[in-house]
Amino acid sequence: MPLTYRILPSMLAADFGNLESEARRCQEAGADGMHLDVMDGHFVPNLAIGTAIVRMYRDRLPALYRHVHLMITNPHEHVATFADAGAQSLLIHVEPEYDIAAAIAELRSRDIRPGLVINPATDPELVFAYLESIDEVLCMTVEPGFGGQEFIPEVISSIRRIRERATQTGQDLDISVDGGITIDTARQCAEAGANVFASGTFLLRSDDMAGEIRDMRRAVEGARS
């Protein structure tokens, strides 16, 4: 099946004093949803976004898709909490030590789309054993924790390897990227097989978010044609 391309502004770059209006701005600009980064100050050296914000978006902007990324040491302990708060996709890292298969199964039982996340230096083969039980792999294209970083081009090879593996098994897998995503880097990732693009600083700090989303969509949809 042809890939479905989605562009998700990352709310880590939003004005935190106006989170609801910032999300409405994304919706009006033509975004396919919003990417929400949850950070615990332990797995990554930063704190950001909790269940209250996810729940607020669920209640006030129910039509805007909630793509939630847990950058936390113990993601398995918070699956139920974020599912109840309104996450629609929940992405959990492979690097911490926990029962990944059980966490994926719990997400499935709650009708949440499960995804796994790898950091830039993580071997993409760590997700291969789980591909048939998940809907998405998020490849971090910066070191997780802070917005505004430079894109790490070496991650492109990981994207390509995951897409090749999914193609071999006939799986309709989403591959998302997050970190330093601009029109140019989104195109590079799309050429390697990515189809979901979380972009924070580039989109949310733009004077013309609608135009940037339109141009990014055109770039990624044409990348593999």
Protein backbone atom coordinates (compact mmCIF):
# COMPACT_ATOMS: atom_id res chain seq x y z
CA MET A 1 0.00 0.00 0.00
CA PRO A 2 1.21 3.58 -0.64
CA LEU A 3 2.44 5.41 2.43
CA THR A 4 0.27 8.02 4.12
CA TYR A 5 2.31 11.12 4.92
CA ARG A 6 1.54 13.12 8.06
CA ILE A 7 3.01 16.34 9.42
CA LEU A 8 2.81 16.91 13.18
CA PRO A 9 3.97 20.15 14.78
CA SER A 10 5.90 19.35 17.95
CA MET A 11 4.38 21.28 20.83
CA LEU A 12 7.70 21.36 22.71
CA ALA A 13 8.44 24.46 20.60
CA ALA A 14 5.08 26.09 21.35
CA ASP A 15 4.45 29.10 23.56
CA PHE A 16 3.68 27.30 26.84
CA GLY A 17 1.67 30.28 28.03
CA ASN A 18 -0.78 29.76 25.18
CA LEU A 19 -0.85 26.02 24.56
CA GLU A 20 -4.46 25.80 23.50
CA SER A 21 -4.24 28.68 21.02
CA GLU A 22 -0.95 27.31 19.69
CA ALA A 23 -2.60 23.97 18.95
CA ARG A 24 -5.52 25.72 17.27
CA ARG A 25 -3.01 27.57 15.11
CA CYS A 26 -1.51 24.23 14.08
CA GLN A 27 -4.95 22.88 13.24
CA GLU A 28 -5.82 25.94 11.15
CA ALA A 29 -2.48 25.65 9.35
CA GLY A 30 -3.37 22.17 8.09
CA ALA A 31 -1.40 19.96 10.48
CA ASP A 32 -2.37 16.29 10.67
CA GLY A 33 -2.14 16.30 14.47
CA MET A 34 0.32 17.32 17.15
CA HIS A 35 3.37 15.65 18.62
CA LEU A 36 3.60 15.80 22.42
CA ASP A 37 6.91 15.10 24.18
CA VAL A 38 6.74 13.86 27.76
CA MET A 39 10.05 14.15 29.66
CA ASP A 40 10.88 12.98 33.17
CA GLY A 41 14.17 14.75 33.91
CA HIS A 42 15.81 11.33 34.29
CA PHE A 43 15.80 9.49 30.97
CA VAL A 44 16.42 12.90 29.40
CA PRO A 45 17.77 16.03 31.15
CA ASN A 46 14.60 18.04 30.83
CA LEU A 47 11.02 18.18 32.13
CA ALA A 48 8.06 18.76 29.82
CA ILE A 49 4.36 17.98 29.37
CA GLY A 50 2.28 15.67 31.55
CA THR A 51 -1.09 14.02 31.51
CA ALA A 52 -2.94 17.26 32.31
CA ILE A 53 -1.85 18.82 29.01
CA VAL A 54 -2.72 15.71 27.01
CA ARG A 55 -6.12 15.65 28.69
CA MET A 56 -6.67 19.35 27.99
CA TYR A 57 -6.05 18.79 24.29
CA ARG A 58 -8.38 15.78 24.28
CA ASP A 59 -11.16 17.84 25.83
CA ARG A 60 -10.72 21.11 23.95
CA LEU A 61 -9.42 20.03 20.54
CA PRO A 62 -10.67 16.45 20.12
CA ALA A 63 -10.26 16.51 16.32
CA LEU A 64 -6.51 17.21 16.51
CA TYR A 65 -4.65 13.90 16.66
CA ARG A 66 -2.55 13.33 19.80
CA HIS A 67 0.80 11.65 19.03
CA VAL A 68 2.48 11.19 22.42
CA HIS A 69 6.16 10.34 22.94
CA LEU A 70 7.26 9.16 26.41
CA MET A 71 10.88 10.09 27.06
CA ILE A 72 10.87 8.47 30.48
CA THR A 73 12.80 5.75 32.30
CA ASN A 74 9.77 3.65 33.23
CA PRO A 75 7.29 4.00 30.33
CA HIS A 76 5.50 0.76 31.16
CA GLU A 77 4.30 2.29 34.44
CA HIS A 78 2.59 5.17 32.65
CA VAL A 79 0.94 3.51 29.67
CA ALA A 80 -2.47 3.36 31.35
CA THR A 81 -2.22 6.94 32.64
CA PHE A 82 -1.51 8.46 29.25
CA ALA A 83 -4.02 6.20 27.52
CA ASP A 84 -6.70 7.44 29.93
CA ALA A 85 -5.57 11.05 29.37
CA GLY A 86 -6.26 10.79 25.66
CA ALA A 87 -3.12 9.68 23.83
CA GLN A 88 -4.02 8.15 20.47
CA SER A 89 -0.53 7.00 19.53
CA LEU A 90 1.85 6.27 22.39
CA LEU A 91 5.54 5.87 21.59
CA ILE A 92 7.91 4.27 24.10
CA HIS A 93 11.69 3.91 24.02
CA VAL A 94 13.51 0.61 23.65
CA GLU A 95 16.57 1.75 25.65
CA PRO A 96 15.23 1.41 29.25
CA GLU A 97 14.94 -2.03 30.83
CA TYR A 98 11.30 -3.17 31.06
CA ASP A 99 8.95 -5.69 29.47
CA ILE A 100 8.45 -4.06 26.09
CA ALA A 101 6.12 -6.78 24.79
CA ALA A 102 3.83 -6.41 27.81
CA ALA A 103 3.67 -2.64 27.41
CA ILE A 104 2.77 -3.03 23.72
CA ALA A 105 0.07 -5.55 24.62
CA GLU A 106 -1.42 -3.17 27.18
CA LEU A 107 -1.56 -0.40 24.61
CA ARG A 108 -3.34 -2.73 22.18
CA SER A 109 -5.84 -3.68 24.87
CA ARG A 110 -6.67 0.00 25.32
CA ASP A 111 -7.07 0.68 21.58
CA ILE A 112 -4.00 2.93 21.51
CA ARG A 113 -1.63 2.74 18.53
CA PRO A 114 1.67 1.43 19.95
CA GLY A 115 5.05 2.60 18.71
CA LEU A 116 8.69 2.14 19.66
CA VAL A 117 11.36 4.83 19.70
CA ILE A 118 15.10 4.60 19.10
CA ASN A 119 17.73 7.21 19.88
CA PRO A 120 20.20 8.21 17.15
CA ALA A 121 22.92 5.78 18.26
CA THR A 122 20.57 2.83 18.97
CA ASP A 123 20.82 -0.16 16.65
CA PRO A 124 17.57 -0.27 14.65
CA GLU A 125 17.59 -4.05 14.84
CA LEU A 126 16.43 -3.73 18.46
CA VAL A 127 12.93 -3.02 17.16
CA PHE A 128 12.84 -5.80 14.56
CA ALA A 129 11.50 -8.41 16.98
CA TYR A 130 8.50 -6.19 17.74
CA LEU A 131 7.61 -4.88 14.28
CA GLU A 132 4.63 -7.17 13.78
CA SER A 133 3.05 -6.03 17.07
CA ILE A 134 3.44 -2.26 16.65
CA ASP A 135 2.16 0.39 14.25
CA GLU A 136 5.08 2.78 14.25
CA VAL A 137 8.79 3.29 14.85
CA LEU A 138 10.01 6.77 15.76
CA CYS A 139 13.63 7.45 14.86
CA MET A 140 15.00 10.34 16.87
CA THR A 141 17.03 12.56 14.56
CA VAL A 142 18.52 14.52 17.46
CA GLU A 143 19.52 13.51 20.96
CA PRO A 144 16.25 13.53 22.93
CA GLY A 145 15.54 16.16 25.52
CA PHE A 146 15.65 19.60 23.94
CA GLY A 147 14.21 21.30 20.88
CA GLY A 148 16.10 23.40 18.37
CA GLN A 149 18.95 20.94 17.77
CA GLU A 150 20.68 20.14 14.49
CA PHE A 151 19.50 17.14 12.49
CA ILE A 152 21.78 14.06 12.73
CA PRO A 153 22.09 12.72 9.16
CA GLU A 154 23.49 9.35 10.23
CA VAL A 155 19.98 8.36 11.37
CA ILE A 156 18.90 8.14 7.74
CA SER A 157 20.54 4.71 7.46
CA SER A 158 18.43 3.48 10.41
CA ILE A 159 15.26 4.73 8.73
CA ARG A 160 16.21 2.91 5.55
CA ARG A 161 16.96 -0.36 7.36
CA ILE A 162 13.64 -0.30 9.22
CA ARG A 163 11.68 0.45 6.05
CA GLU A 164 13.46 -2.36 4.20
CA ARG A 165 12.66 -4.81 6.99
CA ALA A 166 8.99 -3.76 7.09
CA THR A 167 8.76 -4.10 3.32
CA GLN A 168 10.26 -7.59 3.47
CA THR A 169 7.62 -8.67 5.97
CA GLY A 170 4.81 -6.92 4.11
CA GLN A 171 4.01 -4.66 7.04
CA ASP A 172 2.26 -1.32 6.65
CA LEU A 173 4.49 0.39 9.23
CA ASP A 174 4.67 4.10 9.99
CA ILE A 175 8.19 5.44 10.42
CA SER A 176 8.32 8.82 12.10
CA VAL A 177 11.17 11.25 12.67
CA ASP A 178 11.63 13.96 15.28
CA GLY A 179 14.39 16.53 15.65
CA GLY A 180 15.74 19.19 13.32
CA ILE A 181 12.97 18.53 10.81
CA THR A 182 12.77 21.16 8.07
CA ILE A 183 11.56 20.82 4.50
CA ASP A 184 15.00 19.64 3.39
CA THR A 185 15.59 17.13 6.19
CA ALA A 186 12.02 15.87 5.93
CA ARG A 187 12.64 15.18 2.24
CA GLN A 188 15.83 13.25 3.07
CA CYS A 189 13.98 11.15 5.65
CA ALA A 190 11.10 10.51 3.25
CA GLU A 191 13.52 9.30 0.60
CA ALA A 192 14.77 6.74 3.14
CA GLY A 193 11.24 5.61 4.02
CA ALA A 194 9.88 7.90 6.73
CA ASN A 195 6.27 9.05 6.43
CA VAL A 196 5.47 10.89 9.69
CA PHE A 197 7.30 14.13 10.47
CA ALA A 198 7.34 15.85 13.87
CA SER A 199 8.64 19.37 13.45
CA GLY A 200 8.88 21.85 16.29
CA THR A 201 11.00 24.96 15.90
CA PHE A 202 10.76 25.07 12.11
CA LEU A 203 6.96 25.07 12.07
CA LEU A 204 5.92 26.71 15.33
CA ARG A 205 8.37 29.60 15.01
CA SER A 206 7.46 30.23 11.38
CA ASP A 207 5.59 33.34 10.28
CA ASP A 208 3.71 31.18 7.77
CA MET A 209 3.09 27.77 9.29
CA ALA A 210 0.44 26.90 6.73
CA GLY A 211 2.84 27.60 3.89
CA GLU A 212 5.64 25.58 5.50
CA ILE A 213 3.31 22.62 6.11
CA ARG A 214 2.09 22.80 2.52
CA ASP A 215 5.66 22.91 1.17
CA MET A 216 6.82 20.12 3.48
CA ARG A 217 3.91 17.94 2.43
CA ARG A 218 4.69 18.51 -1.22
CA ALA A 219 8.38 17.69 -0.62
CA VAL A 220 7.84 14.43 1.24
CA GLU A 221 5.05 13.16 -1.00
CA GLY A 222 7.30 13.61 -4.02
CA ALA A 223 10.42 12.16 -2.41
CA ARG A 224 9.80 8.51 -3.31
CA SER A 225 7.97 9.05 -6.60
